[in-house]
């Protein structure tokens, strides 16, 4: 996606009971839809979606299957791949997360609510191996910037697991976050230099970890409710966090229409400063301070 090429400025969404929508990022208009159907010819919604590195295809996760759509052929044309092999091996359950290696190695990772993560070849969807170890269903997967490591997080699971995909035998290390009591997706992100990972949690804290050794190096209070998303800007010293948690019970005597206030249900933009040091492998971020920028809080109506 580049601003100089408006045709490439698009993003895709998937929602319950709806097909995949491709939107124009500059105008906000709907470009086209990609539809998948079940055995009774009814539209079935994708649970997870991701563009391949070339930006020519959308890989979508469904129950025990992955469907691949050519972005130049909207409609109901797609290639379907079962995640279960003929010998009943493979990846069962709903494919809840998809991510591609950023180094164009032709590999992608898929997470499942069956607590497994699988690695496939992009060209023919050959299953390379399946990773076991997450306590809850997988909700987010992300490759390291060099493509050698994979990070996975699950629901009702307090740890993000780091895997060396060159070995894929055991977990390299675990990164803690407060998510052991929620089924909510809590997204994490790796900063552009690939040295640090940031993740939110139920406690409203954002934790920063050094990916070279898995050690905690910093943290800050980003909200008074669950921080369910955190993302770094691709090249500026900025980041964004989102907060909020679905609530079903209202205490006795309270107004059911009482709106959330403060930092309970909002998106916040953060500035951060980093101390950089020259090492043999280049410039690395050693730590940083996060401060909210002006007009940083974008509230949502409950």
C-alpha atoms as a PDB file:
ATOM      1  CA  UNK A   1       0.000   0.000   0.000  1.00  0.00           C
ATOM      2  CA  UNK A   2       1.414   3.360  -1.057  1.00  0.00           C
ATOM      3  CA  UNK A   3      -0.245   6.780  -1.068  1.00  0.00           C
ATOM      4  CA  UNK A   4       1.135   7.435  -4.549  1.00  0.00           C
ATOM      5  CA  UNK A   5      -0.869   4.471  -5.861  1.00  0.00           C
ATOM      6  CA  UNK A   6      -4.520   4.932  -4.795  1.00  0.00           C
ATOM      7  CA  UNK A   7      -5.490   1.586  -6.313  1.00  0.00           C
ATOM      8  CA  UNK A   8      -3.379  -0.195  -3.694  1.00  0.00           C
ATOM      9  CA  UNK A   9      -4.851   1.746  -0.744  1.00  0.00           C
ATOM     10  CA  UNK A  10      -7.363  -0.820   0.463  1.00  0.00           C
ATOM     11  CA  UNK A  11      -8.128  -2.830   3.564  1.00  0.00           C
ATOM     12  CA  UNK A  12     -10.303  -5.888   4.171  1.00  0.00           C
ATOM     13  CA  UNK A  13     -12.813  -6.634   6.927  1.00  0.00           C
ATOM     14  CA  UNK A  14     -14.800  -9.651   8.037  1.00  0.00           C
ATOM     15  CA  UNK A  15     -17.815  -9.633  10.351  1.00  0.00           C
ATOM     16  CA  UNK A  16     -20.392 -12.108  11.549  1.00  0.00           C
ATOM     17  CA  UNK A  17     -22.911 -13.270   8.906  1.00  0.00           C
ATOM     18  CA  UNK A  18     -21.265 -11.140   6.213  1.00  0.00           C
ATOM     19  CA  UNK A  19     -18.783 -11.816   3.398  1.00  0.00           C
ATOM     20  CA  UNK A  20     -15.309 -10.335   3.278  1.00  0.00           C
ATOM     21  CA  UNK A  21     -15.444  -6.653   2.301  1.00  0.00           C
ATOM     22  CA  UNK A  22     -12.650  -4.792   0.527  1.00  0.00           C
ATOM     23  CA  UNK A  23     -12.704  -1.059   1.284  1.00  0.00           C
ATOM     24  CA  UNK A  24     -11.068   1.973  -0.297  1.00  0.00           C
ATOM     25  CA  UNK A  25      -8.805   3.450   2.396  1.00  0.00           C
ATOM     26  CA  UNK A  26      -8.916   6.954   0.905  1.00  0.00           C
ATOM     27  CA  UNK A  27     -12.661   7.353   0.285  1.00  0.00           C
ATOM     28  CA  UNK A  28     -14.100   4.813   2.704  1.00  0.00           C
ATOM     29  CA  UNK A  29     -16.231   3.307  -0.057  1.00  0.00           C
ATOM     30  CA  UNK A  30     -16.809  -0.399  -0.550  1.00  0.00           C
ATOM     31  CA  UNK A  31     -14.781  -1.739  -3.479  1.00  0.00           C
ATOM     32  CA  UNK A  32     -16.018  -5.332  -3.665  1.00  0.00           C
ATOM     33  CA  UNK A  33     -16.880  -8.453  -1.659  1.00  0.00           C
ATOM     34  CA  UNK A  34     -15.536 -11.999  -1.485  1.00  0.00           C
ATOM     35  CA  UNK A  35     -18.104 -14.624  -0.568  1.00  0.00           C
ATOM     36  CA  UNK A  36     -17.739 -18.122   0.788  1.00  0.00           C
ATOM     37  CA  UNK A  37     -20.646 -20.545   1.092  1.00  0.00           C
ATOM     38  CA  UNK A  38     -21.348 -23.521   3.321  1.00  0.00           C
ATOM     39  CA  UNK A  39     -22.844 -26.916   2.463  1.00  0.00           C
ATOM     40  CA  UNK A  40     -26.380 -25.491   2.187  1.00  0.00           C
ATOM     41  CA  UNK A  41     -25.245 -22.619  -0.039  1.00  0.00           C
ATOM     42  CA  UNK A  42     -25.486 -19.951   2.648  1.00  0.00           C
ATOM     43  CA  UNK A  43     -22.860 -17.254   3.144  1.00  0.00           C
ATOM     44  CA  UNK A  44     -20.384 -18.173   5.841  1.00  0.00           C
ATOM     45  CA  UNK A  45     -18.228 -15.514   7.474  1.00  0.00           C
ATOM     46  CA  UNK A  46     -14.469 -15.722   7.743  1.00  0.00           C
ATOM     47  CA  UNK A  47     -13.075 -15.732  11.279  1.00  0.00           C
ATOM     48  CA  UNK A  48      -9.650 -14.397  10.286  1.00  0.00           C
ATOM     49  CA  UNK A  49      -8.164 -12.796   7.177  1.00  0.00           C
ATOM     50  CA  UNK A  50      -4.767 -11.649   5.919  1.00  0.00           C
ATOM     51  CA  UNK A  51      -3.240 -10.406   2.671  1.00  0.00           C
ATOM     52  CA  UNK A  52      -0.290 -12.341   1.306  1.00  0.00           C
ATOM     53  CA  UNK A  53       2.968 -10.308   1.071  1.00  0.00           C
ATOM     54  CA  UNK A  54       2.430  -9.631  -2.635  1.00  0.00           C
ATOM     55  CA  UNK A  55      -1.014  -8.206  -1.906  1.00  0.00           C
ATOM     56  CA  UNK A  56      -2.634 -10.317  -4.609  1.00  0.00           C
ATOM     57  CA  UNK A  57      -4.596 -12.760  -2.454  1.00  0.00           C
ATOM     58  CA  UNK A  58      -6.660 -12.846   0.721  1.00  0.00           C
ATOM     59  CA  UNK A  59      -6.234 -15.893   2.950  1.00  0.00           C
ATOM     60  CA  UNK A  60      -9.290 -16.462   5.147  1.00  0.00           C
ATOM     61  CA  UNK A  61      -9.732 -18.826   8.075  1.00  0.00           C
ATOM     62  CA  UNK A  62     -12.899 -20.878   8.566  1.00  0.00           C
ATOM     63  CA  UNK A  63     -13.847 -23.993  10.496  1.00  0.00           C
ATOM     64  CA  UNK A  64     -11.235 -26.634   9.629  1.00  0.00           C
ATOM     65  CA  UNK A  65     -10.437 -24.912   6.353  1.00  0.00           C
ATOM     66  CA  UNK A  66      -8.683 -22.013   4.678  1.00  0.00           C
ATOM     67  CA  UNK A  67     -10.082 -20.283   1.622  1.00  0.00           C
ATOM     68  CA  UNK A  68      -7.890 -18.240  -0.717  1.00  0.00           C
ATOM     69  CA  UNK A  69      -9.415 -15.397  -2.739  1.00  0.00           C
ATOM     70  CA  UNK A  70      -7.793 -13.630  -5.688  1.00  0.00           C
ATOM     71  CA  UNK A  71      -8.368  -9.916  -5.012  1.00  0.00           C
ATOM     72  CA  UNK A  72      -8.806  -9.323  -8.760  1.00  0.00           C
ATOM     73  CA  UNK A  73     -11.705 -11.799  -8.899  1.00  0.00           C
ATOM     74  CA  UNK A  74     -14.371 -10.765  -6.371  1.00  0.00           C
ATOM     75  CA  UNK A  75     -17.441 -12.882  -5.833  1.00  0.00           C
ATOM     76  CA  UNK A  76     -17.574 -16.537  -4.872  1.00  0.00           C
ATOM     77  CA  UNK A  77     -14.461 -17.771  -6.666  1.00  0.00           C
ATOM     78  CA  UNK A  78     -11.904 -19.186  -4.248  1.00  0.00           C
ATOM     79  CA  UNK A  79      -9.574 -22.096  -3.603  1.00  0.00           C
ATOM     80  CA  UNK A  80     -10.364 -24.140  -0.510  1.00  0.00           C
ATOM     81  CA  UNK A  81      -7.894 -26.135   1.574  1.00  0.00           C
ATOM     82  CA  UNK A  82      -8.769 -28.434   4.444  1.00  0.00           C
ATOM     83  CA  UNK A  83      -6.578 -28.085   7.531  1.00  0.00           C
ATOM     84  CA  UNK A  84      -7.098 -31.762   8.383  1.00  0.00           C
ATOM     85  CA  UNK A  85      -5.159 -34.362   6.429  1.00  0.00           C
ATOM     86  CA  UNK A  86      -6.573 -37.675   5.234  1.00  0.00           C
ATOM     87  CA  UNK A  87      -5.037 -39.453   8.213  1.00  0.00           C
ATOM     88  CA  UNK A  88      -6.890 -37.054  10.563  1.00  0.00           C
ATOM     89  CA  UNK A  89      -3.669 -35.205  11.326  1.00  0.00           C
ATOM     90  CA  UNK A  90      -3.301 -31.482  10.977  1.00  0.00           C
ATOM     91  CA  UNK A  91      -5.118 -28.566  12.524  1.00  0.00           C
ATOM     92  CA  UNK A  92      -8.658 -28.957  13.801  1.00  0.00           C
ATOM     93  CA  UNK A  93     -11.112 -26.295  14.928  1.00  0.00           C
ATOM     94  CA  UNK A  94     -11.774 -22.757  13.741  1.00  0.00           C
ATOM     95  CA  UNK A  95      -8.825 -21.012  12.083  1.00  0.00           C
ATOM     96  CA  UNK A  96      -8.812 -17.867  14.199  1.00  0.00           C
ATOM     97  CA  UNK A  97      -5.590 -16.114  13.127  1.00  0.00           C
ATOM     98  CA  UNK A  98      -3.448 -15.853   9.985  1.00  0.00           C
ATOM     99  CA  UNK A  99      -0.027 -14.229   9.496  1.00  0.00           C
ATOM    100  CA  UNK A 100       2.643 -14.257   6.791  1.00  0.00           C
ATOM    101  CA  UNK A 101       6.399 -14.221   7.159  1.00  0.00           C
ATOM    102  CA  UNK A 102       7.647 -10.684   6.338  1.00  0.00           C
ATOM    103  CA  UNK A 103      10.796 -11.977   4.637  1.00  0.00           C
ATOM    104  CA  UNK A 104       8.955 -13.402   1.609  1.00  0.00           C
ATOM    105  CA  UNK A 105       9.943 -16.962   2.439  1.00  0.00           C
ATOM    106  CA  UNK A 106       6.589 -18.248   1.235  1.00  0.00           C
ATOM    107  CA  UNK A 107       5.442 -19.359   4.672  1.00  0.00           C
ATOM    108  CA  UNK A 108       2.327 -18.511   6.631  1.00  0.00           C
ATOM    109  CA  UNK A 109       1.135 -19.356  10.125  1.00  0.00           C
ATOM    110  CA  UNK A 110      -2.427 -20.099  11.152  1.00  0.00           C
ATOM    111  CA  UNK A 111      -3.765 -20.260  14.689  1.00  0.00           C
ATOM    112  CA  UNK A 112      -6.752 -22.339  15.737  1.00  0.00           C
ATOM    113  CA  UNK A 113      -9.171 -22.339  18.647  1.00  0.00           C
ATOM    114  CA  UNK A 114      -8.030 -25.946  19.120  1.00  0.00           C
ATOM    115  CA  UNK A 115      -4.889 -24.492  20.787  1.00  0.00           C
ATOM    116  CA  UNK A 116      -2.584 -25.290  17.872  1.00  0.00           C
ATOM    117  CA  UNK A 117      -0.556 -23.237  15.401  1.00  0.00           C
ATOM    118  CA  UNK A 118       0.333 -24.574  11.962  1.00  0.00           C
ATOM    119  CA  UNK A 119       2.965 -23.503   9.430  1.00  0.00           C
ATOM    120  CA  UNK A 120       2.150 -23.842   5.722  1.00  0.00           C
ATOM    121  CA  UNK A 121       3.739 -23.135   2.367  1.00  0.00           C
ATOM    122  CA  UNK A 122       1.884 -20.349   0.608  1.00  0.00           C
ATOM    123  CA  UNK A 123       2.125 -21.697  -2.929  1.00  0.00           C
ATOM    124  CA  UNK A 124       0.504 -25.104  -2.378  1.00  0.00           C
ATOM    125  CA  UNK A 125      -0.674 -24.932   1.273  1.00  0.00           C
ATOM    126  CA  UNK A 126       1.544 -27.856   2.206  1.00  0.00           C
ATOM    127  CA  UNK A 127       1.475 -28.416   5.970  1.00  0.00           C
ATOM    128  CA  UNK A 128       5.025 -28.167   7.325  1.00  0.00           C
ATOM    129  CA  UNK A 129       4.417 -28.671  11.041  1.00  0.00           C
ATOM    130  CA  UNK A 130       1.986 -28.079  13.899  1.00  0.00           C
ATOM    131  CA  UNK A 131       2.954 -26.358  17.151  1.00  0.00           C
ATOM    132  CA  UNK A 132       1.389 -27.398  20.464  1.00  0.00           C
ATOM    133  CA  UNK A 133       1.737 -25.625  23.799  1.00  0.00           C
ATOM    134  CA  UNK A 134      -0.755 -22.783  24.082  1.00  0.00           C
ATOM    135  CA  UNK A 135      -3.175 -23.191  26.991  1.00  0.00           C
ATOM    136  CA  UNK A 136      -6.085 -21.487  25.219  1.00  0.00           C
ATOM    137  CA  UNK A 137      -7.374 -21.116  21.696  1.00  0.00           C
ATOM    138  CA  UNK A 138      -5.052 -19.051  19.507  1.00  0.00           C
ATOM    139  CA  UNK A 139      -6.207 -15.459  18.991  1.00  0.00           C
ATOM    140  CA  UNK A 140      -3.136 -13.810  17.437  1.00  0.00           C
ATOM    141  CA  UNK A 141       0.019 -14.899  15.599  1.00  0.00           C
ATOM    142  CA  UNK A 142       2.885 -12.731  14.339  1.00  0.00           C
ATOM    143  CA  UNK A 143       6.297 -13.410  12.803  1.00  0.00           C
ATOM    144  CA  UNK A 144       9.436 -11.602  13.893  1.00  0.00           C
ATOM    145  CA  UNK A 145      10.861  -9.056  11.458  1.00  0.00           C
ATOM    146  CA  UNK A 146      13.542 -11.503  10.292  1.00  0.00           C
ATOM    147  CA  UNK A 147      11.003 -14.300   9.859  1.00  0.00           C
ATOM    148  CA  UNK A 148      12.893 -16.734  12.096  1.00  0.00           C
ATOM    149  CA  UNK A 149      10.569 -16.579  15.088  1.00  0.00           C
ATOM    150  CA  UNK A 150       6.827 -16.814  15.567  1.00  0.00           C
ATOM    151  CA  UNK A 151       4.863 -15.337  18.467  1.00  0.00           C
ATOM    152  CA  UNK A 152       1.482 -16.771  19.439  1.00  0.00           C
ATOM    153  CA  UNK A 153      -1.104 -15.670  21.997  1.00  0.00           C
ATOM    154  CA  UNK A 154      -4.312 -17.325  23.151  1.00  0.00           C
ATOM    155  CA  UNK A 155      -7.535 -16.653  25.011  1.00  0.00           C
ATOM    156  CA  UNK A 156      -7.575 -17.342  28.740  1.00  0.00           C
ATOM    157  CA  UNK A 157      -3.820 -17.807  28.466  1.00  0.00           C
ATOM    158  CA  UNK A 158      -1.424 -15.460  30.303  1.00  0.00           C
ATOM    159  CA  UNK A 159       1.581 -16.088  28.039  1.00  0.00           C
ATOM    160  CA  UNK A 160       2.724 -15.177  24.558  1.00  0.00           C
ATOM    161  CA  UNK A 161       4.891 -18.035  23.295  1.00  0.00           C
ATOM    162  CA  UNK A 162       8.001 -17.541  21.162  1.00  0.00           C
ATOM    163  CA  UNK A 163       8.841 -20.302  18.671  1.00  0.00           C
ATOM    164  CA  UNK A 164      11.970 -20.731  16.562  1.00  0.00           C
ATOM    165  CA  UNK A 165      10.440 -21.911  13.291  1.00  0.00           C
ATOM    166  CA  UNK A 166      13.816 -23.251  12.134  1.00  0.00           C
ATOM    167  CA  UNK A 167      13.540 -25.891  14.859  1.00  0.00           C
ATOM    168  CA  UNK A 168       9.868 -25.812  15.905  1.00  0.00           C
ATOM    169  CA  UNK A 169      10.482 -28.290  18.697  1.00  0.00           C
ATOM    170  CA  UNK A 170      10.014 -26.338  21.894  1.00  0.00           C
ATOM    171  CA  UNK A 171       9.148 -22.872  23.154  1.00  0.00           C
ATOM    172  CA  UNK A 172      12.085 -20.432  23.242  1.00  0.00           C
ATOM    173  CA  UNK A 173      10.560 -18.287  25.998  1.00  0.00           C
ATOM    174  CA  UNK A 174       7.240 -16.988  27.336  1.00  0.00           C
ATOM    175  CA  UNK A 175       6.104 -13.377  27.701  1.00  0.00           C
ATOM    176  CA  UNK A 176       3.559 -12.650  30.429  1.00  0.00           C
ATOM    177  CA  UNK A 177       0.431 -10.554  30.029  1.00  0.00           C
ATOM    178  CA  UNK A 178      -2.773 -10.377  32.066  1.00  0.00           C
ATOM    179  CA  UNK A 179      -5.209 -12.363  29.915  1.00  0.00           C
ATOM    180  CA  UNK A 180      -5.922 -15.518  31.891  1.00  0.00           C
ATOM    181  CA  UNK A 181      -9.560 -14.633  32.584  1.00  0.00           C
ATOM    182  CA  UNK A 182     -10.866 -13.445  29.230  1.00  0.00           C
ATOM    183  CA  UNK A 183     -11.813 -14.915  25.863  1.00  0.00           C
ATOM    184  CA  UNK A 184     -11.255 -11.523  24.250  1.00  0.00           C
ATOM    185  CA  UNK A 185      -8.628 -11.137  21.548  1.00  0.00           C
ATOM    186  CA  UNK A 186      -5.690  -9.155  22.865  1.00  0.00           C
ATOM    187  CA  UNK A 187      -3.381  -8.094  20.060  1.00  0.00           C
ATOM    188  CA  UNK A 188       0.344  -7.479  20.403  1.00  0.00           C
ATOM    189  CA  UNK A 189       2.837  -5.917  18.008  1.00  0.00           C
ATOM    190  CA  UNK A 190       6.560  -5.766  17.245  1.00  0.00           C
ATOM    191  CA  UNK A 191       8.203  -2.377  16.702  1.00  0.00           C
ATOM    192  CA  UNK A 192       9.734  -1.604  13.272  1.00  0.00           C
ATOM    193  CA  UNK A 193      13.322  -2.430  14.269  1.00  0.00           C
ATOM    194  CA  UNK A 194      12.182  -5.858  15.425  1.00  0.00           C
ATOM    195  CA  UNK A 195      13.804  -5.598  18.843  1.00  0.00           C
ATOM    196  CA  UNK A 196      10.773  -5.158  21.122  1.00  0.00           C
ATOM    197  CA  UNK A 197       7.257  -6.518  21.500  1.00  0.00           C
ATOM    198  CA  UNK A 198       4.406  -4.665  23.218  1.00  0.00           C
ATOM    199  CA  UNK A 199       1.203  -6.214  24.510  1.00  0.00           C
ATOM    200  CA  UNK A 200      -1.806  -5.092  26.503  1.00  0.00           C
ATOM    201  CA  UNK A 201      -3.871  -7.018  29.018  1.00  0.00           C
ATOM    202  CA  UNK A 202      -6.875  -7.054  31.314  1.00  0.00           C
ATOM    203  CA  UNK A 203      -5.084  -4.915  33.883  1.00  0.00           C
ATOM    204  CA  UNK A 204      -4.869  -1.924  31.519  1.00  0.00           C
ATOM    205  CA  UNK A 205      -1.086  -2.157  31.365  1.00  0.00           C
ATOM    206  CA  UNK A 206       1.090  -2.300  28.264  1.00  0.00           C
ATOM    207  CA  UNK A 207       4.188  -4.446  28.731  1.00  0.00           C
ATOM    208  CA  UNK A 208       7.339  -4.019  26.608  1.00  0.00           C
ATOM    209  CA  UNK A 209       9.683  -7.004  26.168  1.00  0.00           C
ATOM    210  CA  UNK A 210      13.159  -7.364  24.702  1.00  0.00           C
ATOM    211  CA  UNK A 211      12.864 -10.039  22.026  1.00  0.00           C
ATOM    212  CA  UNK A 212      16.541 -10.952  22.125  1.00  0.00           C
ATOM    213  CA  UNK A 213      16.200 -12.519  25.558  1.00  0.00           C
ATOM    214  CA  UNK A 214      12.502 -12.369  26.413  1.00  0.00           C
ATOM    215  CA  UNK A 215      13.072 -10.030  29.356  1.00  0.00           C
ATOM    216  CA  UNK A 216      10.545  -7.420  30.508  1.00  0.00           C
ATOM    217  CA  UNK A 217      12.041  -3.935  30.141  1.00  0.00           C
ATOM    218  CA  UNK A 218       9.206  -1.441  30.549  1.00  0.00           C
ATOM    219  CA  UNK A 219       5.492  -0.921  31.035  1.00  0.00           C
ATOM    220  CA  UNK A 220       2.894   1.783  31.496  1.00  0.00           C
ATOM    221  CA  UNK A 221      -0.777   2.215  32.383  1.00  0.00           C
ATOM    222  CA  UNK A 222      -2.597   2.742  29.082  1.00  0.00           C
ATOM    223  CA  UNK A 223      -6.205   2.444  30.287  1.00  0.00           C
ATOM    224  CA  UNK A 224      -8.394   1.649  33.268  1.00  0.00           C
ATOM    225  CA  UNK A 225      -9.952  -1.287  31.425  1.00  0.00           C
ATOM    226  CA  UNK A 226      -8.659  -4.087  29.207  1.00  0.00           C
ATOM    227  CA  UNK A 227      -6.108  -2.977  26.603  1.00  0.00           C
ATOM    228  CA  UNK A 228      -7.182  -5.247  23.755  1.00  0.00           C
ATOM    229  CA  UNK A 229      -4.954  -3.856  21.022  1.00  0.00           C
ATOM    230  CA  UNK A 230      -1.560  -2.217  20.608  1.00  0.00           C
ATOM    231  CA  UNK A 231       0.273  -1.337  17.390  1.00  0.00           C
ATOM    232  CA  UNK A 232       3.434   0.554  16.487  1.00  0.00           C
ATOM    233  CA  UNK A 233       3.584   3.082  13.655  1.00  0.00           C
ATOM    234  CA  UNK A 234       5.608   1.578  10.770  1.00  0.00           C
ATOM    235  CA  UNK A 235       8.250   4.344  10.800  1.00  0.00           C
ATOM    236  CA  UNK A 236       7.356   7.160  13.253  1.00  0.00           C
ATOM    237  CA  UNK A 237       7.971   7.018  17.038  1.00  0.00           C
ATOM    238  CA  UNK A 238       4.263   6.580  17.704  1.00  0.00           C
ATOM    239  CA  UNK A 239       1.925   3.805  18.777  1.00  0.00           C
ATOM    240  CA  UNK A 240      -1.803   3.319  19.269  1.00  0.00           C
ATOM    241  CA  UNK A 241      -3.701   1.355  21.897  1.00  0.00           C
ATOM    242  CA  UNK A 242      -7.364   0.411  22.145  1.00  0.00           C
ATOM    243  CA  UNK A 243      -9.253  -0.407  25.313  1.00  0.00           C
ATOM    244  CA  UNK A 244     -12.606  -1.855  26.245  1.00  0.00           C
ATOM    245  CA  UNK A 245     -14.214  -5.047  27.435  1.00  0.00           C
ATOM    246  CA  UNK A 246     -17.619  -6.537  26.768  1.00  0.00           C
ATOM    247  CA  UNK A 247     -19.711  -6.382  29.936  1.00  0.00           C
ATOM    248  CA  UNK A 248     -22.866  -8.377  30.601  1.00  0.00           C
ATOM    249  CA  UNK A 249     -23.666  -7.737  34.261  1.00  0.00           C
ATOM    250  CA  UNK A 250     -24.693  -4.395  35.752  1.00  0.00           C
ATOM    251  CA  UNK A 251     -24.420  -3.955  39.551  1.00  0.00           C
ATOM    252  CA  UNK A 252     -27.708  -3.583  41.420  1.00  0.00           C
ATOM    253  CA  UNK A 253     -28.887  -0.002  41.665  1.00  0.00           C
ATOM    254  CA  UNK A 254     -26.810   1.162  38.686  1.00  0.00           C
ATOM    255  CA  UNK A 255     -28.152   2.742  35.544  1.00  0.00           C
ATOM    256  CA  UNK A 256     -27.919   0.213  32.697  1.00  0.00           C
ATOM    257  CA  UNK A 257     -27.344   3.078  30.267  1.00  0.00           C
ATOM    258  CA  UNK A 258     -24.486   4.544  32.294  1.00  0.00           C
ATOM    259  CA  UNK A 259     -21.781   5.436  29.740  1.00  0.00           C
ATOM    260  CA  UNK A 260     -18.156   4.463  30.124  1.00  0.00           C
ATOM    261  CA  UNK A 261     -15.867   7.355  30.975  1.00  0.00           C
ATOM    262  CA  UNK A 262     -12.197   8.153  31.132  1.00  0.00           C
ATOM    263  CA  UNK A 263      -9.911   5.601  29.535  1.00  0.00           C
ATOM    264  CA  UNK A 264     -12.340   2.664  29.660  1.00  0.00           C
ATOM    265  CA  UNK A 265     -13.490   2.528  26.052  1.00  0.00           C
ATOM    266  CA  UNK A 266     -11.249   4.447  23.686  1.00  0.00           C
ATOM    267  CA  UNK A 267      -8.336   4.490  21.293  1.00  0.00           C
ATOM    268  CA  UNK A 268      -5.210   6.356  22.402  1.00  0.00           C
ATOM    269  CA  UNK A 269      -2.223   7.549  20.389  1.00  0.00           C
ATOM    270  CA  UNK A 270       1.158   7.539  22.117  1.00  0.00           C
ATOM    271  CA  UNK A 271       4.477   9.246  21.453  1.00  0.00           C
ATOM    272  CA  UNK A 272       7.593   7.504  22.675  1.00  0.00           C
ATOM    273  CA  UNK A 273      11.273   8.347  22.856  1.00  0.00           C
ATOM    274  CA  UNK A 274      13.954   5.717  22.605  1.00  0.00           C
ATOM    275  CA  UNK A 275      17.564   5.497  23.686  1.00  0.00           C
ATOM    276  CA  UNK A 276      19.517   4.025  20.809  1.00  0.00           C
ATOM    277  CA  UNK A 277      22.946   2.473  20.959  1.00  0.00           C
ATOM    278  CA  UNK A 278      25.184   1.365  18.142  1.00  0.00           C
ATOM    279  CA  UNK A 279      26.001  -2.315  18.254  1.00  0.00           C
ATOM    280  CA  UNK A 280      27.623  -4.689  15.845  1.00  0.00           C
ATOM    281  CA  UNK A 281      24.300  -5.500  14.209  1.00  0.00           C
ATOM    282  CA  UNK A 282      23.107  -1.906  13.948  1.00  0.00           C
ATOM    283  CA  UNK A 283      20.957   0.450  15.985  1.00  0.00           C
ATOM    284  CA  UNK A 284      18.772  -1.127  18.632  1.00  0.00           C
ATOM    285  CA  UNK A 285      16.182   0.364  20.937  1.00  0.00           C
ATOM    286  CA  UNK A 286      17.171  -0.116  24.569  1.00  0.00           C
ATOM    287  CA  UNK A 287      14.154   1.438  26.227  1.00  0.00           C
ATOM    288  CA  UNK A 288      11.701   4.269  25.981  1.00  0.00           C
ATOM    289  CA  UNK A 289       9.152   6.522  27.634  1.00  0.00           C
ATOM    290  CA  UNK A 290       5.569   6.643  26.381  1.00  0.00           C
ATOM    291  CA  UNK A 291       3.519   9.842  26.618  1.00  0.00           C
ATOM    292  CA  UNK A 292       0.121  10.612  25.157  1.00  0.00           C
ATOM    293  CA  UNK A 293       0.085  13.049  22.257  1.00  0.00           C
ATOM    294  CA  UNK A 294      -2.383  15.885  21.807  1.00  0.00           C
ATOM    295  CA  UNK A 295      -5.905  14.854  20.783  1.00  0.00           C
ATOM    296  CA  UNK A 296      -4.918  11.294  21.453  1.00  0.00           C
ATOM    297  CA  UNK A 297      -8.110   9.898  22.971  1.00  0.00           C
ATOM    298  CA  UNK A 298     -10.774   8.756  20.539  1.00  0.00           C
ATOM    299  CA  UNK A 299     -13.830   7.655  22.488  1.00  0.00           C
ATOM    300  CA  UNK A 300     -16.414   5.154  21.332  1.00  0.00           C
ATOM    301  CA  UNK A 301     -20.078   5.297  22.220  1.00  0.00           C
ATOM    302  CA  UNK A 302     -21.044   2.286  24.327  1.00  0.00           C
END
